[in-house]
Amino acid sequence: MASSKYLSADELAGVAEIRKAFTGRIPSLLDTDFNLRRWWNGHNRHMNVITERFDSYLKNRKVMGFDEPNFIETFYQKKDHLDILQYFGMSRIGPVVNEKDNGIVFVESGDIDKHVANTYPAGKYLRVFFTSCELVLQTILKQERESGKPSHGICIFDMGPLHIANHINPLSNCNKVFKARALIWEENYPDMIKHIVVVNSPFFLGVIWKVAKFLLKEKQQKLIHFNRNDSMKSIIHDDVTPVAFGGKRMDLGYSPRTDCCNEIKKITPDDFYKNGTVWENLGIARPAQTSFHIKAHSLCKMRCAPKECNGKNLIAWQFSLSDQLEFSVTNEDDQVYPCLKIITTECDDEDSLKCPAGNSEDNYYLTFKNYNRFSSITVTISLWSEGTPSLCADIPLV
């Protein structure tokens, strides 16, 4: 447990309240004073918000395999991760410890191709981003165990290669996906990042703040620090600042670049994702598609049963959305697929879920939640399942 010298009386009481609300459910890795304090402060001591979001996070981390014993060691070995990360410049996330404050330092490049939304379904990208956030958290937790002191993340964001034109329009496809990405961080990893140090920023910051205000909530906006006249030296020690930004650090075991980031794969039309790949991979024709509308602040559930395909029981889907909504899959009441707020842009969202052999009457539910209080959302979907799925529509959200 953390020493009381690091936590106030209010924070200790908040940590105790969270433990009481989740008795027996918090994995030992997460059940630390430092970590639960992040939830208490990050969600502004609102226990109803903490309860809802921590419950969702615990369910997601289970179905996404975050509790695997070698999660940190195998992250950069998994093809699903590398398929996405090759299009984004990032330093290797690891024990790069800032001696000034015990923080974990990493770099993210602003060099983002406008066609990145064409390369994979947004849902897959968001799942990999979620997993990357978990890697940062578990690295922080490890540092806290070893040092006995609180830690946090420090992101150096390099705006030098940023293509401003890709982000001027808040409703561009890139920004829609990045907005959904920001929600993952804000809701599931509160107070994890302490500083976003922006390097190589333009002199005219009006456009940058316009985009930041669209992508980030006010609390996250306050983390941004623009490096002027080497002011980042007051935050980050030279030893963990990459050479490209005036420091001493290189990571030659990962990248020869002076910013410590991976080389970014140039996107060509050959890299564009082909809608319907899920059916091609399964060797079946695309099922007939159907469309339905979800009223404002309502949800729809599609009840279906697994169907045999190539000797496996599964359900599979391909859908497009007219706006952002939350998508999840459950077996009766048990969550069996990541629950995320997603958007479809250039690519449909598509995937398959292998289901255990068992009762043919098992009910699986694809749930779509529309949190917009004013507008309906249209879902157009093709679904592989046994029989005709039933739709329960326009259930009001509580």
Protein backbone atom coordinates (compact mmCIF):
# COMPACT_ATOMS: atom_id res chain seq x y z
CA MET A 1 0.00 0.00 0.00
CA ALA A 2 1.08 3.55 -0.63
CA SER A 3 2.33 5.67 2.22
CA SER A 4 -0.09 8.30 3.49
CA LYS A 5 2.55 10.90 2.63
CA TYR A 6 1.52 10.52 -1.02
CA LEU A 7 -2.27 10.49 -0.55
CA SER A 8 -4.50 13.02 1.18
CA ALA A 9 -7.18 11.97 3.66
CA ASP A 10 -9.81 12.57 0.98
CA GLU A 11 -7.92 10.39 -1.51
CA LEU A 12 -7.50 7.57 1.01
CA ALA A 13 -11.23 7.70 1.73
CA GLY A 14 -11.98 7.66 -2.00
CA VAL A 15 -9.72 4.66 -2.56
CA ALA A 16 -11.49 2.82 0.26
CA GLU A 17 -14.88 3.64 -1.28
CA ILE A 18 -13.82 2.22 -4.65
CA ARG A 19 -12.53 -0.95 -3.01
CA LYS A 20 -15.82 -1.36 -1.16
CA ALA A 21 -17.85 -0.91 -4.35
CA PHE A 22 -15.77 -3.53 -6.19
CA THR A 23 -15.11 -6.03 -3.40
CA GLY A 24 -13.49 -9.15 -4.84
CA ARG A 25 -13.45 -7.84 -8.42
CA ILE A 26 -10.27 -5.76 -8.64
CA PRO A 27 -7.24 -7.74 -9.91
CA SER A 28 -4.24 -7.48 -7.58
CA LEU A 29 -2.25 -5.70 -10.30
CA LEU A 30 -4.74 -2.82 -10.23
CA ASP A 31 -5.59 -2.87 -6.54
CA THR A 32 -3.08 -0.28 -5.35
CA ASP A 33 -3.61 3.05 -3.62
CA PHE A 34 -1.77 4.88 -6.40
CA ASN A 35 -3.88 3.32 -9.14
CA LEU A 36 -7.26 3.71 -7.46
CA ARG A 37 -6.37 7.31 -6.62
CA ARG A 38 -6.13 7.91 -10.37
CA TRP A 39 -9.74 6.80 -10.76
CA TRP A 40 -10.85 8.91 -7.78
CA ASN A 41 -9.19 12.12 -8.96
CA GLY A 42 -9.47 11.50 -12.69
CA HIS A 43 -13.25 11.25 -12.55
CA ASN A 44 -13.55 14.16 -10.13
CA ARG A 45 -14.59 12.08 -7.12
CA HIS A 46 -17.93 11.24 -8.76
CA MET A 47 -18.54 7.73 -7.49
CA ASN A 48 -21.41 7.02 -9.87
CA VAL A 49 -19.16 7.81 -12.86
CA ILE A 50 -16.27 5.82 -11.38
CA THR A 51 -18.51 2.80 -10.77
CA GLU A 52 -19.88 2.77 -14.31
CA ARG A 53 -16.54 3.28 -16.06
CA PHE A 54 -14.41 1.04 -13.84
CA ASP A 55 -16.96 -1.75 -14.28
CA SER A 56 -16.77 -1.32 -18.07
CA TYR A 57 -12.96 -1.22 -17.97
CA LEU A 58 -12.72 -4.42 -15.93
CA LYS A 59 -14.98 -6.25 -18.39
CA ASN A 60 -13.04 -4.95 -21.39
CA ARG A 61 -9.62 -5.84 -19.98
CA LYS A 62 -10.84 -9.41 -19.42
CA VAL A 63 -12.06 -9.99 -22.99
CA MET A 64 -9.02 -8.19 -24.46
CA GLY A 65 -6.51 -10.36 -22.58
CA PHE A 66 -4.92 -7.60 -20.50
CA ASP A 67 -4.55 -10.00 -17.59
CA GLU A 68 -2.22 -12.31 -19.52
CA PRO A 69 0.96 -12.85 -17.43
CA ASN A 70 3.33 -11.77 -20.25
CA PHE A 71 1.22 -8.89 -21.53
CA ILE A 72 4.08 -6.34 -21.47
CA GLU A 73 6.70 -8.69 -22.92
CA THR A 74 4.56 -9.87 -25.85
CA PHE A 75 2.95 -6.56 -26.87
CA TYR A 76 5.42 -5.82 -29.69
CA GLN A 77 5.33 -9.42 -30.92
CA LYS A 78 1.65 -9.56 -31.86
CA LYS A 79 0.78 -9.16 -35.53
CA ASP A 80 -2.56 -7.44 -34.84
CA HIS A 81 -0.68 -4.68 -33.01
CA LEU A 82 2.09 -4.31 -35.58
CA ASP A 83 -0.40 -4.19 -38.47
CA ILE A 84 -1.77 -0.94 -37.02
CA LEU A 85 1.34 0.55 -35.39
CA GLN A 86 3.32 0.51 -38.65
CA TYR A 87 1.26 3.50 -39.84
CA PHE A 88 1.94 5.60 -36.72
CA GLY A 89 5.21 6.92 -35.34
CA MET A 90 5.75 6.07 -31.67
CA SER A 91 8.69 5.33 -29.44
CA ARG A 92 8.84 1.98 -27.70
CA ILE A 93 6.81 2.06 -24.49
CA GLY A 94 8.92 0.77 -21.63
CA PRO A 95 10.76 1.71 -18.43
CA VAL A 96 12.03 5.09 -19.68
CA VAL A 97 11.93 6.77 -16.28
CA ASN A 98 12.15 10.52 -15.79
CA GLU A 99 14.24 11.03 -12.65
CA LYS A 100 12.58 14.40 -12.05
CA ASP A 101 9.22 12.86 -11.12
CA ASN A 102 9.35 9.06 -11.64
CA GLY A 103 7.24 9.38 -14.80
CA ILE A 104 7.33 7.10 -17.86
CA VAL A 105 8.32 9.01 -21.02
CA PHE A 106 7.26 8.13 -24.56
CA VAL A 107 7.06 9.93 -27.91
CA GLU A 108 4.26 10.18 -30.44
CA SER A 109 4.84 11.63 -33.90
CA GLY A 110 2.31 13.91 -35.56
CA ASP A 111 3.21 12.43 -38.95
CA ILE A 112 -0.18 10.93 -39.76
CA ASP A 113 -1.19 10.18 -43.34
CA LYS A 114 -4.70 11.37 -44.20
CA HIS A 115 -5.34 7.96 -45.79
CA VAL A 116 -4.73 6.06 -42.54
CA ALA A 117 -8.52 5.74 -42.12
CA ASN A 118 -8.50 3.65 -45.32
CA THR A 119 -6.13 0.99 -43.99
CA TYR A 120 -8.21 -0.79 -41.34
CA PRO A 121 -11.66 -0.64 -39.74
CA ALA A 122 -11.75 2.00 -37.02
CA GLY A 123 -12.83 -0.63 -34.51
CA LYS A 124 -9.59 -2.56 -34.96
CA TYR A 125 -7.50 0.61 -34.62
CA LEU A 126 -9.37 1.59 -31.44
CA ARG A 127 -8.80 -1.86 -29.91
CA VAL A 128 -5.06 -1.57 -30.59
CA PHE A 129 -5.02 1.95 -29.12
CA PHE A 130 -6.85 0.64 -26.04
CA THR A 131 -4.19 -2.07 -25.72
CA SER A 132 -1.42 0.54 -26.09
CA CYS A 133 -2.94 2.56 -23.25
CA GLU A 134 -2.94 -0.58 -21.13
CA LEU A 135 0.74 -1.08 -21.93
CA VAL A 136 1.47 2.43 -20.64
CA LEU A 137 -0.55 1.75 -17.49
CA GLN A 138 1.10 -1.59 -16.74
CA THR A 139 4.53 0.00 -17.27
CA ILE A 140 3.55 2.72 -14.77
CA LEU A 141 2.26 0.13 -12.29
CA LYS A 142 5.52 -1.80 -12.56
CA GLN A 143 7.54 1.36 -11.91
CA GLU A 144 5.38 2.13 -8.87
CA ARG A 145 5.92 -1.36 -7.45
CA GLU A 146 9.67 -1.14 -7.92
CA SER A 147 10.13 2.44 -6.68
CA GLY A 148 7.44 2.67 -4.02
CA LYS A 149 6.53 6.07 -5.45
CA PRO A 150 3.68 7.27 -7.66
CA SER A 151 4.32 7.36 -11.39
CA HIS A 152 2.47 8.58 -14.49
CA GLY A 153 2.86 8.96 -18.24
CA ILE A 154 4.61 11.83 -20.03
CA CYS A 155 3.92 12.08 -23.76
CA ILE A 156 6.23 14.08 -26.02
CA PHE A 157 4.11 14.96 -29.06
CA ASP A 158 6.09 16.06 -32.11
CA MET A 159 4.08 18.49 -34.24
CA GLY A 160 6.93 19.06 -36.70
CA PRO A 161 5.68 16.52 -39.27
CA LEU A 162 1.99 17.18 -38.55
CA HIS A 163 -0.12 17.93 -41.63
CA ILE A 164 -2.40 20.65 -40.27
CA ALA A 165 -4.73 20.45 -43.28
CA ASN A 166 -5.73 16.92 -42.20
CA HIS A 167 -7.09 18.25 -38.91
CA ILE A 168 -8.53 21.71 -39.60
CA ASN A 169 -11.99 20.22 -40.16
CA PRO A 170 -13.17 18.79 -36.82
CA LEU A 171 -15.49 16.43 -38.72
CA SER A 172 -12.77 14.94 -40.94
CA ASN A 173 -12.50 11.17 -40.87
CA CYS A 174 -9.15 11.32 -39.05
CA ASN A 175 -10.56 13.57 -36.35
CA LYS A 176 -13.67 11.42 -35.89
CA VAL A 177 -11.49 8.39 -35.20
CA PHE A 178 -9.14 10.38 -32.95
CA LYS A 179 -12.14 11.69 -30.99
CA ALA A 180 -13.20 8.09 -30.34
CA ARG A 181 -9.61 7.30 -29.39
CA ALA A 182 -9.52 10.18 -26.89
CA LEU A 183 -12.64 8.79 -25.19
CA ILE A 184 -10.85 5.49 -24.51
CA TRP A 185 -8.05 7.32 -22.72
CA GLU A 186 -10.32 9.74 -20.84
CA GLU A 187 -12.81 7.12 -19.63
CA ASN A 188 -10.55 4.12 -18.95
CA TYR A 189 -7.20 5.65 -17.98
CA PRO A 190 -8.06 8.73 -15.90
CA ASP A 191 -5.13 10.74 -14.55
CA MET A 192 -2.64 8.34 -16.19
CA ILE A 193 -1.00 11.05 -18.31
CA LYS A 194 0.40 14.03 -16.41
CA HIS A 195 2.05 15.99 -19.24
CA ILE A 196 1.64 16.26 -23.01
CA VAL A 197 4.76 18.15 -24.07
CA VAL A 198 4.33 19.55 -27.58
CA VAL A 199 7.57 20.04 -29.51
CA ASN A 200 8.15 21.73 -32.89
CA SER A 201 4.79 23.50 -32.68
CA PRO A 202 3.85 26.26 -35.15
CA PHE A 203 3.98 29.87 -33.99
CA PHE A 204 0.27 30.36 -34.66
CA LEU A 205 -1.55 28.08 -32.25
CA GLY A 206 -5.15 29.08 -32.92
CA VAL A 207 -5.82 26.15 -35.26
CA ILE A 208 -4.13 23.73 -32.86
CA TRP A 209 -6.34 24.80 -29.97
CA LYS A 210 -9.42 24.52 -32.17
CA VAL A 211 -8.59 20.90 -32.91
CA ALA A 212 -7.56 20.18 -29.30
CA LYS A 213 -10.88 21.51 -28.00
CA PHE A 214 -12.72 19.17 -30.35
CA LEU A 215 -10.64 16.10 -29.52
CA LEU A 216 -10.02 16.56 -25.79
CA LYS A 217 -12.08 17.54 -22.79
CA GLU A 218 -11.04 20.58 -20.76
CA LYS A 219 -9.22 18.51 -18.13
CA GLN A 220 -7.06 16.83 -20.77
CA GLN A 221 -6.41 20.13 -22.56
CA LYS A 222 -4.78 21.42 -19.37
CA LEU A 223 -2.09 18.72 -19.67
CA ILE A 224 -0.66 20.34 -22.82
CA HIS A 225 2.66 22.20 -22.48
CA PHE A 226 4.22 23.87 -25.52
CA ASN A 227 8.00 23.64 -25.51
CA ARG A 228 9.31 27.19 -25.90
CA ASN A 229 12.96 28.09 -25.33
CA ASP A 230 13.69 24.56 -24.08
CA SER A 231 11.05 24.89 -21.36
CA MET A 232 10.51 21.12 -21.50
CA LYS A 233 13.79 20.74 -19.60
CA SER A 234 11.91 21.78 -16.46
CA ILE A 235 9.67 18.73 -16.94
CA ILE A 236 11.81 16.01 -18.56
CA HIS A 237 15.43 15.10 -17.80
CA ASP A 238 17.90 15.17 -20.71
CA ASP A 239 18.70 11.49 -20.20
CA VAL A 240 15.19 10.44 -21.28
CA THR A 241 14.64 13.20 -23.85
CA PRO A 242 15.38 11.96 -27.40
CA VAL A 243 18.32 13.50 -29.24
CA ALA A 244 15.92 15.00 -31.79
CA PHE A 245 14.48 17.25 -29.08
CA GLY A 246 17.75 18.34 -27.48
CA GLY A 247 18.29 15.42 -25.12
CA LYS A 248 20.60 12.43 -24.95
CA ARG A 249 18.36 9.42 -25.52
CA MET A 250 18.55 6.96 -28.40
CA ASP A 251 16.87 3.54 -28.62
CA LEU A 252 18.94 1.79 -31.29
CA GLY A 253 17.51 -1.60 -30.36
CA TYR A 254 14.16 -0.33 -31.61
CA SER A 255 14.85 2.43 -34.12
CA PRO A 256 17.82 4.33 -35.62
CA ARG A 257 15.81 7.56 -35.57
CA THR A 258 16.84 10.38 -33.24
CA ASP A 259 13.24 10.79 -32.07
CA CYS A 260 13.25 7.10 -30.98
CA CYS A 261 10.12 6.42 -33.09
CA ASN A 262 9.61 3.60 -35.57
CA GLU A 263 9.77 4.28 -39.29
CA ILE A 264 6.26 4.90 -40.62
CA LYS A 265 5.07 2.76 -43.52
CA LYS A 266 4.05 4.88 -46.49
CA ILE A 267 0.43 4.21 -47.41
CA THR A 268 -0.36 3.28 -51.01
CA PRO A 269 -3.67 2.14 -52.56
CA ASP A 270 -2.44 -1.44 -52.12
CA ASP A 271 -2.72 -0.90 -48.34
CA PHE A 272 -6.37 0.17 -48.47
CA TYR A 273 -8.72 -2.14 -46.62
CA LYS A 274 -11.32 -3.95 -48.69
CA ASN A 275 -14.79 -3.97 -47.16
CA GLY A 276 -16.08 -7.52 -46.88
CA THR A 277 -12.68 -9.02 -46.05
CA VAL A 278 -14.31 -10.83 -43.13
CA TRP A 279 -16.43 -12.90 -45.55
CA GLU A 280 -13.52 -13.52 -47.89
CA ASN A 281 -11.44 -14.83 -44.98
CA LEU A 282 -14.27 -17.12 -43.89
CA GLY A 283 -14.87 -18.31 -47.45
CA ILE A 284 -18.56 -17.43 -47.46
CA ALA A 285 -20.80 -15.04 -49.37
CA ARG A 286 -21.82 -11.85 -47.66
CA PRO A 287 -25.19 -12.32 -45.92
CA ALA A 288 -28.04 -10.05 -46.93
CA GLN A 289 -27.80 -6.63 -45.35
CA THR A 290 -30.46 -4.81 -43.40
CA SER A 291 -30.75 -1.29 -42.02
CA PHE A 292 -32.40 0.10 -38.91
CA HIS A 293 -32.49 3.40 -37.06
CA ILE A 294 -31.71 3.98 -33.39
CA LYS A 295 -33.56 6.89 -31.85
CA ALA A 296 -31.73 9.54 -29.85
CA HIS A 297 -30.56 8.33 -26.42
CA SER A 298 -31.75 4.78 -27.08
CA LEU A 299 -30.31 1.34 -27.74
CA CYS A 300 -31.05 -1.55 -30.07
CA LYS A 301 -30.29 -5.21 -29.48
CA MET A 302 -29.95 -7.88 -32.16
CA ARG A 303 -30.47 -11.37 -30.74
CA CYS A 304 -28.76 -14.13 -32.69
CA ALA A 305 -27.27 -17.61 -32.35
CA PRO A 306 -23.87 -18.93 -33.53
CA LYS A 307 -23.75 -20.69 -36.89
CA GLU A 308 -21.33 -23.36 -38.07
CA CYS A 309 -18.66 -22.24 -40.52
CA ASN A 310 -15.65 -24.35 -41.49
CA GLY A 311 -16.10 -26.54 -38.43
CA LYS A 312 -16.40 -23.62 -35.99
CA ASN A 313 -19.38 -22.04 -34.30
CA LEU A 314 -19.31 -18.31 -34.83
CA ILE A 315 -21.13 -15.10 -35.48
CA ALA A 316 -19.71 -12.53 -37.89
CA TRP A 317 -20.73 -9.04 -38.93
CA GLN A 318 -20.08 -6.14 -41.25
CA PHE A 319 -21.75 -2.81 -40.53
CA SER A 320 -21.58 0.90 -41.24
CA LEU A 321 -22.84 3.73 -39.02
CA SER A 322 -24.11 7.21 -39.75
CA ASP A 323 -22.53 8.50 -36.51
CA GLN A 324 -20.67 7.37 -33.41
CA LEU A 325 -22.28 4.82 -31.11
CA GLU A 326 -21.27 2.21 -28.56
CA PHE A 327 -21.05 -1.38 -29.79
CA SER A 328 -20.78 -4.54 -27.70
CA VAL A 329 -21.47 -8.28 -27.91
CA THR A 330 -22.75 -10.35 -25.00
CA ASN A 331 -23.64 -14.00 -24.43
CA GLU A 332 -26.77 -13.58 -22.34
CA ASP A 333 -25.39 -11.09 -19.75
CA ASP A 334 -21.68 -11.93 -20.15
CA GLN A 335 -19.59 -9.55 -22.25
CA VAL A 336 -17.62 -11.52 -24.86
CA TYR A 337 -16.28 -8.75 -27.12
CA PRO A 338 -14.75 -5.31 -26.43
CA CYS A 339 -17.33 -2.62 -25.73
CA LEU A 340 -16.24 0.60 -27.46
CA LYS A 341 -17.65 3.85 -28.77
CA ILE A 342 -16.86 3.55 -32.48
CA ILE A 343 -17.38 5.31 -35.78
CA THR A 344 -17.15 3.99 -39.33
CA THR A 345 -15.52 6.24 -41.91
CA GLU A 346 -13.77 4.88 -45.01
CA CYS A 347 -14.08 1.26 -43.83
CA ASP A 348 -17.01 -0.69 -42.46
CA ASP A 349 -16.55 -2.31 -39.08
CA GLU A 350 -16.32 -6.07 -39.47
CA ASP A 351 -15.17 -9.01 -37.41
CA SER A 352 -16.05 -12.55 -36.37
CA LEU A 353 -16.43 -14.08 -32.94
CA LYS A 354 -15.72 -17.74 -32.29
CA CYS A 355 -18.29 -19.18 -29.90
CA PRO A 356 -17.80 -22.28 -27.75
CA ALA A 357 -19.69 -25.38 -28.79
CA GLY A 358 -22.66 -25.83 -26.50
CA ASN A 359 -26.32 -25.15 -26.25
CA SER A 360 -27.66 -24.29 -29.69
CA GLU A 361 -30.17 -22.03 -27.97
CA ASP A 362 -27.48 -19.74 -26.53
CA ASN A 363 -28.49 -16.15 -27.07
CA TYR A 364 -25.90 -13.67 -28.26
CA TYR A 365 -26.71 -9.98 -28.43
CA LEU A 366 -25.17 -7.30 -30.59
CA THR A 367 -25.98 -4.07 -28.77
CA PHE A 368 -25.82 -0.61 -30.31
CA LYS A 369 -26.19 2.38 -27.96
CA ASN A 370 -26.87 5.87 -29.25
CA TYR A 371 -25.80 8.40 -26.61
CA ASN A 372 -26.70 11.37 -28.83
CA ARG A 373 -29.62 13.17 -27.20
CA PHE A 374 -30.88 14.83 -30.38
CA SER A 375 -30.22 12.67 -33.47
CA SER A 376 -31.00 9.14 -34.57
CA ILE A 377 -28.29 6.89 -36.01
CA THR A 378 -28.61 4.49 -38.93
CA VAL A 379 -26.97 1.05 -38.80
CA THR A 380 -26.56 -0.99 -41.98
CA ILE A 381 -25.44 -4.54 -41.17
CA SER A 382 -24.78 -7.99 -42.63
CA LEU A 383 -24.79 -10.73 -39.97
CA TRP A 384 -23.72 -14.38 -40.09
CA SER A 385 -25.82 -16.26 -37.55
CA GLU A 386 -28.20 -19.21 -37.26
CA GLY A 387 -31.72 -18.39 -38.36
CA THR A 388 -33.14 -14.91 -38.51
CA PRO A 389 -31.90 -12.52 -35.82
CA SER A 390 -34.53 -10.64 -33.86
CA LEU A 391 -34.30 -6.91 -33.26
CA CYS A 392 -35.38 -5.18 -30.09
CA ALA A 393 -35.29 -1.50 -30.93
CA ASP A 394 -35.51 1.91 -29.29
CA ILE A 395 -34.99 0.91 -25.68
CA PRO A 396 -34.43 4.20 -23.77
CA LEU A 397 -31.02 4.59 -22.16
CA VAL A 398 -31.11 5.06 -18.41
